[in-house]
Amino acid sequence: MNLLYNATLANYRAKKAEALANLELYFNNSVGIGEHSDLQEELTKWAEILANAEDCLEILERNFENGTVRLGVRTDEATAA
């Protein structure tokens, strides 16, 4: 078990959960909306955080297994040679 790899995954999972919670709050609870005068900017910010977290999780899980590069995954340097 690679603790650094697992910590990185946990970090992005936490960011994803936070973004989902905030978006749900803004979409479904009028109490949270009153705090921000520029609601669209706030929604865009959390949507971008969510997209980034999901992208990073996908990339890490696709290319690594327990922090080790998966067999068959080629780096840019390997494909350039």
C-alpha atoms as a PDB file:
ATOM      1  CA  MET A   1       0.000   0.000   0.000  1.00  0.00           C
ATOM      2  CA  ASN A   2       1.437   3.341  -1.061  1.00  0.00           C
ATOM      3  CA  LEU A   3       0.451   5.930   1.550  1.00  0.00           C
ATOM      4  CA  LEU A   4       1.324   8.941  -0.598  1.00  0.00           C
ATOM      5  CA  TYR A   5      -0.763   7.641  -3.511  1.00  0.00           C
ATOM      6  CA  ASN A   6      -3.687   6.915  -1.172  1.00  0.00           C
ATOM      7  CA  ALA A   7      -3.367  10.368   0.392  1.00  0.00           C
ATOM      8  CA  THR A   8      -3.470  11.957  -3.054  1.00  0.00           C
ATOM      9  CA  LEU A   9      -6.619  10.008  -3.943  1.00  0.00           C
ATOM     10  CA  ALA A  10      -8.180  10.964  -0.597  1.00  0.00           C
ATOM     11  CA  ASN A  11      -7.371  14.628  -1.244  1.00  0.00           C
ATOM     12  CA  TYR A  12      -9.163  14.631  -4.601  1.00  0.00           C
ATOM     13  CA  ARG A  13     -12.085  12.624  -3.225  1.00  0.00           C
ATOM     14  CA  ALA A  14     -12.470  15.199  -0.441  1.00  0.00           C
ATOM     15  CA  LYS A  15     -12.387  18.067  -2.947  1.00  0.00           C
ATOM     16  CA  LYS A  16     -15.017  16.273  -5.033  1.00  0.00           C
ATOM     17  CA  ALA A  17     -17.248  15.750  -1.999  1.00  0.00           C
ATOM     18  CA  GLU A  18     -16.869  19.376  -0.931  1.00  0.00           C
ATOM     19  CA  ALA A  19     -17.749  20.627  -4.406  1.00  0.00           C
ATOM     20  CA  LEU A  20     -20.795  18.353  -4.622  1.00  0.00           C
ATOM     21  CA  ALA A  21     -21.984  19.482  -1.198  1.00  0.00           C
ATOM     22  CA  ASN A  22     -21.628  23.159  -2.081  1.00  0.00           C
ATOM     23  CA  LEU A  23     -23.347  22.782  -5.450  1.00  0.00           C
ATOM     24  CA  GLU A  24     -26.208  20.857  -3.864  1.00  0.00           C
ATOM     25  CA  LEU A  25     -26.549  23.569  -1.227  1.00  0.00           C
ATOM     26  CA  TYR A  26     -26.725  26.325  -3.833  1.00  0.00           C
ATOM     27  CA  PHE A  27     -29.130  24.409  -6.067  1.00  0.00           C
ATOM     28  CA  ASN A  28     -31.489  23.200  -3.333  1.00  0.00           C
ATOM     29  CA  ASN A  29     -31.251  25.511  -0.319  1.00  0.00           C
ATOM     30  CA  SER A  30     -32.096  29.186  -0.557  1.00  0.00           C
ATOM     31  CA  VAL A  31     -30.384  29.911   2.782  1.00  0.00           C
ATOM     32  CA  GLY A  32     -26.918  29.357   1.285  1.00  0.00           C
ATOM     33  CA  ILE A  33     -27.606  31.578  -1.708  1.00  0.00           C
ATOM     34  CA  GLY A  34     -27.998  34.805   0.264  1.00  0.00           C
ATOM     35  CA  GLU A  35     -24.324  34.800   1.251  1.00  0.00           C
ATOM     36  CA  HIS A  36     -23.048  35.439  -2.296  1.00  0.00           C
ATOM     37  CA  SER A  37     -23.994  38.343  -4.490  1.00  0.00           C
ATOM     38  CA  ASP A  38     -22.500  36.715  -7.604  1.00  0.00           C
ATOM     39  CA  LEU A  39     -24.155  33.327  -7.530  1.00  0.00           C
ATOM     40  CA  GLN A  40     -23.151  32.332 -11.068  1.00  0.00           C
ATOM     41  CA  GLU A  41     -19.479  32.971 -10.308  1.00  0.00           C
ATOM     42  CA  GLU A  42     -19.735  30.823  -7.186  1.00  0.00           C
ATOM     43  CA  LEU A  43     -21.469  27.988  -9.069  1.00  0.00           C
ATOM     44  CA  THR A  44     -18.832  28.127 -11.801  1.00  0.00           C
ATOM     45  CA  LYS A  45     -16.042  27.993  -9.220  1.00  0.00           C
ATOM     46  CA  TRP A  46     -17.444  24.857  -7.561  1.00  0.00           C
ATOM     47  CA  ALA A  47     -18.210  23.201 -10.907  1.00  0.00           C
ATOM     48  CA  GLU A  48     -14.585  23.748 -11.942  1.00  0.00           C
ATOM     49  CA  ILE A  49     -13.313  22.327  -8.643  1.00  0.00           C
ATOM     50  CA  LEU A  50     -15.545  19.280  -9.166  1.00  0.00           C
ATOM     51  CA  ALA A  51     -14.367  18.794 -12.757  1.00  0.00           C
ATOM     52  CA  ASN A  52     -10.713  19.096 -11.760  1.00  0.00           C
ATOM     53  CA  ALA A  53     -11.079  16.604  -8.903  1.00  0.00           C
ATOM     54  CA  GLU A  54     -12.883  14.078 -11.127  1.00  0.00           C
ATOM     55  CA  ASP A  55     -10.294  14.493 -13.895  1.00  0.00           C
ATOM     56  CA  CYS A  56      -7.405  14.006 -11.487  1.00  0.00           C
ATOM     57  CA  LEU A  57      -8.997  10.926  -9.915  1.00  0.00           C
ATOM     58  CA  GLU A  58      -9.619   9.412 -13.348  1.00  0.00           C
ATOM     59  CA  ILE A  59      -6.045  10.038 -14.479  1.00  0.00           C
ATOM     60  CA  LEU A  60      -4.521   8.626 -11.299  1.00  0.00           C
ATOM     61  CA  GLU A  61      -6.739   5.542 -11.269  1.00  0.00           C
ATOM     62  CA  ARG A  62      -6.215   4.891 -14.990  1.00  0.00           C
ATOM     63  CA  ASN A  63      -2.425   5.207 -14.896  1.00  0.00           C
ATOM     64  CA  PHE A  64      -1.475   3.921 -11.443  1.00  0.00           C
ATOM     65  CA  GLU A  65      -2.195   0.931  -9.265  1.00  0.00           C
ATOM     66  CA  ASN A  66      -1.270   1.545  -5.629  1.00  0.00           C
ATOM     67  CA  GLY A  67       1.112   4.284  -6.729  1.00  0.00           C
ATOM     68  CA  THR A  68       2.926   2.157  -9.308  1.00  0.00           C
ATOM     69  CA  VAL A  69       2.613   2.889 -13.014  1.00  0.00           C
ATOM     70  CA  ARG A  70       0.360   0.301 -14.634  1.00  0.00           C
ATOM     71  CA  LEU A  71       1.975  -1.994 -17.155  1.00  0.00           C
ATOM     72  CA  GLY A  72       1.285  -0.842 -20.678  1.00  0.00           C
ATOM     73  CA  VAL A  73       1.058   2.835 -19.723  1.00  0.00           C
ATOM     74  CA  ARG A  74       3.608   4.744 -21.765  1.00  0.00           C
ATOM     75  CA  THR A  75       5.074   8.080 -20.810  1.00  0.00           C
ATOM     76  CA  ASP A  76       5.672  10.920 -23.269  1.00  0.00           C
ATOM     77  CA  GLU A  77       9.389  10.167 -23.244  1.00  0.00           C
ATOM     78  CA  ALA A  78       8.777   6.540 -24.204  1.00  0.00           C
ATOM     79  CA  THR A  79       6.474   7.438 -27.087  1.00  0.00           C
ATOM     80  CA  ALA A  80       8.888  10.087 -28.408  1.00  0.00           C
ATOM     81  CA  ALA A  81      11.769   7.614 -28.699  1.00  0.00           C
END
